[in-house]
């Protein structure tokens, strides 16, 4: 069982930066692929980024490439989503998720943290 707790959301002006954190419980954190998803009002939840167990492989949705950076610290059981050059369209509830390597389904989800971007 893995519990995920996000933090770091808030209000930022367009062009600004935020860093989201996702703290995970459990001894096998390093076994999990970690990801971030987001959901804006009236829209479906969408994939934002993921990182493999070692941090050596990351994937991003095209709309955030070059602006967002996902990293992990397995010693701290934490992943970080650094978001730069934020746009109003980045505003959403951001969710951390975890799945085992080789498993397609995201098994664990956090409660979400809200990101608001003002113009």
N, C-alpha and C. Protein backbone atom coordinates (compact mmCIF):
# COMPACT_ATOMS: atom_id res chain seq x y z
N UNK A 1 0.85 -1.19 0.00
CA UNK A 1 0.00 0.00 0.00
C UNK A 1 0.88 1.24 0.00
N UNK A 2 0.51 2.19 -0.82
CA UNK A 2 1.26 3.45 -0.92
C UNK A 2 0.29 4.60 -0.70
N UNK A 3 0.65 5.50 0.16
CA UNK A 3 -0.13 6.72 0.36
C UNK A 3 0.65 7.90 -0.18
N UNK A 4 -0.05 8.76 -0.88
CA UNK A 4 0.59 9.89 -1.53
C UNK A 4 -0.02 11.19 -1.04
N UNK A 5 0.84 12.15 -0.71
CA UNK A 5 0.38 13.44 -0.22
C UNK A 5 1.08 14.54 -1.02
N UNK A 6 0.28 15.32 -1.74
CA UNK A 6 0.82 16.41 -2.54
C UNK A 6 0.87 17.71 -1.74
N UNK A 7 1.78 18.56 -2.14
CA UNK A 7 1.86 19.90 -1.56
C UNK A 7 2.51 20.82 -2.57
N UNK A 8 2.42 22.11 -2.30
CA UNK A 8 3.10 23.09 -3.13
C UNK A 8 2.23 23.86 -4.08
N UNK A 9 0.96 23.51 -4.15
CA UNK A 9 0.07 24.27 -5.03
C UNK A 9 -0.18 25.66 -4.48
N UNK A 10 -0.78 26.49 -5.31
CA UNK A 10 -1.08 27.85 -4.88
C UNK A 10 -1.39 28.74 -6.05
N UNK A 11 -1.37 30.02 -5.78
CA UNK A 11 -1.67 31.02 -6.79
C UNK A 11 -0.37 31.64 -7.29
N UNK A 12 -0.24 31.73 -8.59
CA UNK A 12 0.95 32.31 -9.19
C UNK A 12 0.54 33.09 -10.44
N UNK A 13 1.29 34.10 -10.75
CA UNK A 13 1.02 34.85 -11.97
C UNK A 13 1.57 34.09 -13.18
N UNK A 14 0.95 34.34 -14.30
CA UNK A 14 1.44 33.74 -15.54
C UNK A 14 2.91 34.12 -15.72
N UNK A 15 3.70 33.13 -16.10
CA UNK A 15 5.13 33.33 -16.24
C UNK A 15 5.92 32.94 -15.01
N UNK A 16 5.21 32.73 -13.92
CA UNK A 16 5.86 32.38 -12.68
C UNK A 16 6.13 30.89 -12.56
N UNK A 17 6.59 30.51 -11.36
CA UNK A 17 6.99 29.12 -11.11
C UNK A 17 6.38 28.59 -9.82
N UNK A 18 6.18 27.31 -9.80
CA UNK A 18 5.78 26.59 -8.59
C UNK A 18 6.49 25.25 -8.59
N UNK A 19 6.71 24.73 -7.41
CA UNK A 19 7.22 23.37 -7.30
C UNK A 19 6.26 22.55 -6.47
N UNK A 20 5.73 21.51 -7.09
CA UNK A 20 4.86 20.58 -6.40
C UNK A 20 5.68 19.43 -5.85
N UNK A 21 5.28 18.98 -4.69
CA UNK A 21 5.93 17.82 -4.09
C UNK A 21 4.90 16.73 -3.85
N UNK A 22 5.35 15.51 -3.89
CA UNK A 22 4.50 14.37 -3.59
C UNK A 22 5.29 13.44 -2.67
N UNK A 23 4.85 13.38 -1.44
CA UNK A 23 5.51 12.52 -0.46
C UNK A 23 4.77 11.20 -0.38
N UNK A 24 5.52 10.12 -0.46
CA UNK A 24 4.93 8.78 -0.47
C UNK A 24 5.30 8.01 0.78
N UNK A 25 4.36 7.25 1.26
CA UNK A 25 4.65 6.35 2.37
C UNK A 25 5.01 4.99 1.80
N UNK A 26 5.59 4.14 2.62
CA UNK A 26 5.88 2.80 2.15
C UNK A 26 7.36 2.59 1.87
N UNK A 27 7.81 1.39 2.11
CA UNK A 27 9.22 1.08 1.98
C UNK A 27 9.65 0.83 0.55
N UNK A 28 8.67 0.60 -0.33
CA UNK A 28 9.02 0.21 -1.70
C UNK A 28 8.81 1.34 -2.69
N UNK A 29 8.97 2.55 -2.22
CA UNK A 29 8.75 3.72 -3.09
C UNK A 29 9.58 3.62 -4.35
N UNK A 30 10.79 3.17 -4.24
CA UNK A 30 11.68 3.13 -5.40
C UNK A 30 11.23 2.11 -6.44
N UNK A 31 10.27 1.27 -6.10
CA UNK A 31 9.77 0.29 -7.05
C UNK A 31 8.73 0.86 -8.00
N UNK A 32 8.27 2.06 -7.69
CA UNK A 32 7.13 2.61 -8.39
C UNK A 32 7.52 3.66 -9.42
N UNK A 33 6.81 3.61 -10.53
CA UNK A 33 6.80 4.73 -11.45
C UNK A 33 5.90 5.79 -10.84
N UNK A 34 6.34 7.02 -10.85
CA UNK A 34 5.56 8.11 -10.27
C UNK A 34 5.11 9.06 -11.38
N UNK A 35 3.92 9.57 -11.21
CA UNK A 35 3.41 10.45 -12.24
C UNK A 35 2.59 11.59 -11.67
N UNK A 36 2.36 12.57 -12.52
CA UNK A 36 1.48 13.68 -12.19
C UNK A 36 0.41 13.79 -13.27
N UNK A 37 -0.76 14.03 -12.81
CA UNK A 37 -1.90 14.27 -13.69
C UNK A 37 -2.54 15.59 -13.26
N UNK A 38 -3.36 16.13 -14.12
CA UNK A 38 -4.07 17.35 -13.74
C UNK A 38 -5.47 17.34 -14.31
N UNK A 39 -6.33 18.06 -13.64
CA UNK A 39 -7.71 18.15 -14.10
C UNK A 39 -8.21 19.57 -13.89
N UNK A 40 -8.56 20.20 -14.97
CA UNK A 40 -9.12 21.54 -14.92
C UNK A 40 -10.64 21.44 -14.86
N UNK A 41 -11.30 22.45 -14.35
CA UNK A 41 -12.76 22.41 -14.25
C UNK A 41 -13.41 22.13 -15.60
N UNK A 42 -14.30 21.16 -15.62
CA UNK A 42 -15.01 20.82 -16.84
C UNK A 42 -14.22 20.01 -17.84
N UNK A 43 -13.01 19.61 -17.46
CA UNK A 43 -12.18 18.83 -18.38
C UNK A 43 -11.83 17.49 -17.76
N UNK A 44 -11.42 16.58 -18.61
CA UNK A 44 -10.99 15.28 -18.13
C UNK A 44 -9.58 15.37 -17.53
N UNK A 45 -9.32 14.43 -16.65
CA UNK A 45 -7.97 14.36 -16.09
C UNK A 45 -6.99 13.99 -17.19
N UNK A 46 -5.86 14.67 -17.22
CA UNK A 46 -4.88 14.38 -18.25
C UNK A 46 -3.51 14.11 -17.63
N UNK A 47 -2.76 13.27 -18.31
CA UNK A 47 -1.40 12.96 -17.93
C UNK A 47 -0.52 14.19 -18.13
N UNK A 48 0.36 14.44 -17.16
CA UNK A 48 1.30 15.55 -17.26
C UNK A 48 2.73 15.04 -17.43
N UNK A 49 3.14 14.15 -16.53
CA UNK A 49 4.53 13.70 -16.57
C UNK A 49 4.67 12.43 -15.75
N UNK A 50 5.71 11.66 -16.04
CA UNK A 50 6.02 10.49 -15.23
C UNK A 50 7.52 10.30 -15.18
N UNK A 51 7.93 9.52 -14.19
CA UNK A 51 9.35 9.26 -13.99
C UNK A 51 9.53 7.83 -13.53
N UNK A 52 10.52 7.15 -14.06
CA UNK A 52 10.71 5.75 -13.70
C UNK A 52 11.38 5.64 -12.34
N UNK A 53 11.62 4.42 -11.89
CA UNK A 53 12.07 4.22 -10.53
C UNK A 53 13.41 4.88 -10.24
N UNK A 54 14.29 4.91 -11.21
CA UNK A 54 15.62 5.45 -10.98
C UNK A 54 15.70 6.95 -11.24
N UNK A 55 14.68 7.48 -11.88
CA UNK A 55 14.73 8.88 -12.29
C UNK A 55 15.41 9.10 -13.61
N UNK A 56 15.82 8.01 -14.24
CA UNK A 56 16.55 8.13 -15.50
C UNK A 56 15.67 8.34 -16.71
N UNK A 57 14.41 8.05 -16.57
CA UNK A 57 13.49 8.23 -17.71
C UNK A 57 12.30 9.07 -17.28
N UNK A 58 12.07 10.11 -18.03
CA UNK A 58 10.92 10.96 -17.76
C UNK A 58 10.13 11.15 -19.04
N UNK A 59 8.84 11.34 -18.88
CA UNK A 59 7.94 11.57 -20.00
C UNK A 59 7.05 12.75 -19.66
N UNK A 60 6.77 13.55 -20.67
CA UNK A 60 5.96 14.74 -20.46
C UNK A 60 4.92 14.86 -21.58
N UNK A 61 3.79 15.39 -21.21
CA UNK A 61 2.84 15.77 -22.25
C UNK A 61 3.44 16.93 -23.03
N UNK A 62 3.13 17.00 -24.30
CA UNK A 62 3.77 18.00 -25.16
C UNK A 62 3.59 19.43 -24.64
N UNK A 63 2.47 19.70 -24.06
CA UNK A 63 2.17 21.07 -23.65
C UNK A 63 3.05 21.60 -22.53
N UNK A 64 3.75 20.71 -21.82
CA UNK A 64 4.60 21.16 -20.71
C UNK A 64 6.08 20.93 -20.96
N UNK A 65 6.40 20.30 -22.07
CA UNK A 65 7.81 20.03 -22.36
C UNK A 65 8.60 21.33 -22.42
N UNK A 66 9.75 21.31 -21.78
CA UNK A 66 10.59 22.49 -21.74
C UNK A 66 10.25 23.45 -20.63
N UNK A 67 9.11 23.25 -19.99
CA UNK A 67 8.70 24.14 -18.89
C UNK A 67 8.62 23.41 -17.55
N UNK A 68 8.23 22.15 -17.57
CA UNK A 68 8.10 21.37 -16.35
C UNK A 68 9.23 20.36 -16.27
N UNK A 69 9.68 20.11 -15.06
CA UNK A 69 10.72 19.10 -14.83
C UNK A 69 10.31 18.23 -13.65
N UNK A 70 10.31 16.94 -13.90
CA UNK A 70 9.94 15.97 -12.86
C UNK A 70 11.20 15.28 -12.36
N UNK A 71 11.32 15.19 -11.05
CA UNK A 71 12.48 14.52 -10.46
C UNK A 71 12.01 13.75 -9.23
N UNK A 72 12.87 12.90 -8.74
CA UNK A 72 12.53 12.13 -7.55
C UNK A 72 13.74 11.96 -6.67
N UNK A 73 13.46 11.83 -5.38
CA UNK A 73 14.49 11.56 -4.39
C UNK A 73 14.02 10.31 -3.64
N UNK A 74 14.55 9.17 -4.01
CA UNK A 74 14.10 7.92 -3.40
C UNK A 74 14.46 7.83 -1.92
N UNK A 75 15.50 8.52 -1.52
CA UNK A 75 15.87 8.52 -0.11
C UNK A 75 14.83 9.25 0.73
N UNK A 76 14.14 10.20 0.11
CA UNK A 76 13.11 10.97 0.82
C UNK A 76 11.70 10.54 0.44
N UNK A 77 11.59 9.53 -0.41
CA UNK A 77 10.26 9.07 -0.86
C UNK A 77 9.43 10.22 -1.42
N UNK A 78 10.06 11.03 -2.21
CA UNK A 78 9.39 12.24 -2.69
C UNK A 78 9.69 12.48 -4.17
N UNK A 79 8.68 12.92 -4.88
CA UNK A 79 8.87 13.38 -6.24
C UNK A 79 8.54 14.87 -6.30
N UNK A 80 9.18 15.54 -7.22
CA UNK A 80 9.03 16.98 -7.35
C UNK A 80 8.66 17.32 -8.79
N UNK A 81 7.70 18.19 -8.94
CA UNK A 81 7.35 18.70 -10.26
C UNK A 81 7.63 20.19 -10.27
N UNK A 82 8.73 20.57 -10.89
CA UNK A 82 9.08 21.97 -11.02
C UNK A 82 8.37 22.52 -12.24
N UNK A 83 7.57 23.54 -12.02
CA UNK A 83 6.77 24.12 -13.10
C UNK A 83 7.22 25.56 -13.31
N UNK A 84 7.78 25.82 -14.46
CA UNK A 84 8.24 27.16 -14.81
C UNK A 84 7.41 27.71 -15.97
N UNK A 85 7.51 29.01 -16.15
CA UNK A 85 6.80 29.68 -17.25
C UNK A 85 5.34 29.26 -17.30
N UNK A 86 4.71 29.30 -16.15
CA UNK A 86 3.33 28.84 -16.06
C UNK A 86 2.40 29.69 -16.91
N UNK A 87 1.44 29.01 -17.48
CA UNK A 87 0.43 29.64 -18.32
C UNK A 87 -0.93 29.49 -17.66
N UNK A 88 -1.87 30.32 -18.06
CA UNK A 88 -3.20 30.22 -17.46
C UNK A 88 -3.81 28.85 -17.73
N UNK A 89 -3.46 28.25 -18.84
CA UNK A 89 -4.01 26.93 -19.16
C UNK A 89 -3.41 25.81 -18.32
N UNK A 90 -2.39 26.12 -17.53
CA UNK A 90 -1.84 25.13 -16.60
C UNK A 90 -2.66 25.04 -15.31
N UNK A 91 -3.54 25.97 -15.11
CA UNK A 91 -4.34 25.97 -13.89
C UNK A 91 -5.20 24.72 -13.82
N UNK A 92 -5.12 24.03 -12.70
CA UNK A 92 -5.86 22.77 -12.54
C UNK A 92 -5.59 22.22 -11.15
N UNK A 93 -6.29 21.17 -10.84
CA UNK A 93 -5.93 20.36 -9.67
C UNK A 93 -4.91 19.33 -10.15
N UNK A 94 -3.80 19.27 -9.45
CA UNK A 94 -2.72 18.36 -9.83
C UNK A 94 -2.69 17.18 -8.87
N UNK A 95 -2.60 16.00 -9.45
CA UNK A 95 -2.63 14.75 -8.68
C UNK A 95 -1.36 13.95 -8.91
N UNK A 96 -0.83 13.46 -7.84
CA UNK A 96 0.30 12.54 -7.88
C UNK A 96 -0.25 11.11 -7.96
N UNK A 97 0.45 10.27 -8.68
CA UNK A 97 0.01 8.89 -8.83
C UNK A 97 1.21 7.96 -8.87
N UNK A 98 0.96 6.69 -8.56
CA UNK A 98 2.03 5.70 -8.55
C UNK A 98 1.55 4.40 -9.19
N UNK A 99 2.45 3.74 -9.87
CA UNK A 99 2.16 2.42 -10.41
C UNK A 99 3.46 1.63 -10.43
N UNK A 100 3.32 0.33 -10.43
CA UNK A 100 4.51 -0.51 -10.52
C UNK A 100 5.04 -0.51 -11.94
N UNK A 101 6.33 -0.68 -12.08
CA UNK A 101 6.94 -0.81 -13.41
C UNK A 101 6.29 -1.97 -14.15
N UNK A 102 5.94 -1.77 -15.39
CA UNK A 102 5.35 -2.84 -16.18
C UNK A 102 3.85 -2.98 -16.03
N UNK A 103 3.29 -2.22 -15.13
CA UNK A 103 1.84 -2.26 -14.92
C UNK A 103 1.24 -1.00 -15.49
N UNK A 104 0.24 -1.12 -16.33
CA UNK A 104 -0.30 0.05 -16.99
C UNK A 104 -1.19 0.90 -16.13
N UNK A 105 -1.82 0.30 -15.18
CA UNK A 105 -2.80 1.02 -14.37
C UNK A 105 -2.12 1.76 -13.23
N UNK A 106 -2.53 3.02 -13.04
CA UNK A 106 -2.04 3.79 -11.91
C UNK A 106 -2.83 3.37 -10.69
N UNK A 107 -2.15 2.76 -9.74
CA UNK A 107 -2.81 2.10 -8.63
C UNK A 107 -3.11 3.03 -7.46
N UNK A 108 -2.27 4.03 -7.28
CA UNK A 108 -2.40 4.89 -6.10
C UNK A 108 -2.46 6.35 -6.52
N UNK A 109 -3.29 7.08 -5.81
CA UNK A 109 -3.50 8.49 -6.12
C UNK A 109 -3.49 9.33 -4.86
N UNK A 110 -2.97 10.54 -4.99
CA UNK A 110 -3.06 11.49 -3.91
C UNK A 110 -4.37 12.25 -3.98
N UNK A 111 -4.58 13.14 -3.03
CA UNK A 111 -5.82 13.91 -2.95
C UNK A 111 -5.81 15.13 -3.85
N UNK A 112 -4.65 15.52 -4.32
CA UNK A 112 -4.57 16.64 -5.24
C UNK A 112 -4.17 17.94 -4.56
N UNK A 113 -3.59 18.81 -5.35
CA UNK A 113 -3.24 20.15 -4.90
C UNK A 113 -3.60 21.12 -6.03
N UNK A 114 -4.16 22.24 -5.64
CA UNK A 114 -4.68 23.16 -6.64
C UNK A 114 -3.62 24.16 -7.09
N UNK A 115 -3.55 24.36 -8.38
CA UNK A 115 -2.67 25.36 -8.97
C UNK A 115 -3.54 26.37 -9.71
N UNK A 116 -3.40 27.61 -9.33
CA UNK A 116 -4.14 28.70 -9.97
C UNK A 116 -3.14 29.65 -10.61
N UNK A 117 -3.36 29.95 -11.86
CA UNK A 117 -2.47 30.85 -12.59
C UNK A 117 -3.26 32.06 -13.06
N UNK A 118 -2.86 33.22 -12.58
CA UNK A 118 -3.57 34.45 -12.95
C UNK A 118 -2.88 35.12 -14.13
N UNK A 119 -3.68 35.80 -14.93
CA UNK A 119 -3.12 36.46 -16.12
C UNK A 119 -2.63 37.86 -15.81
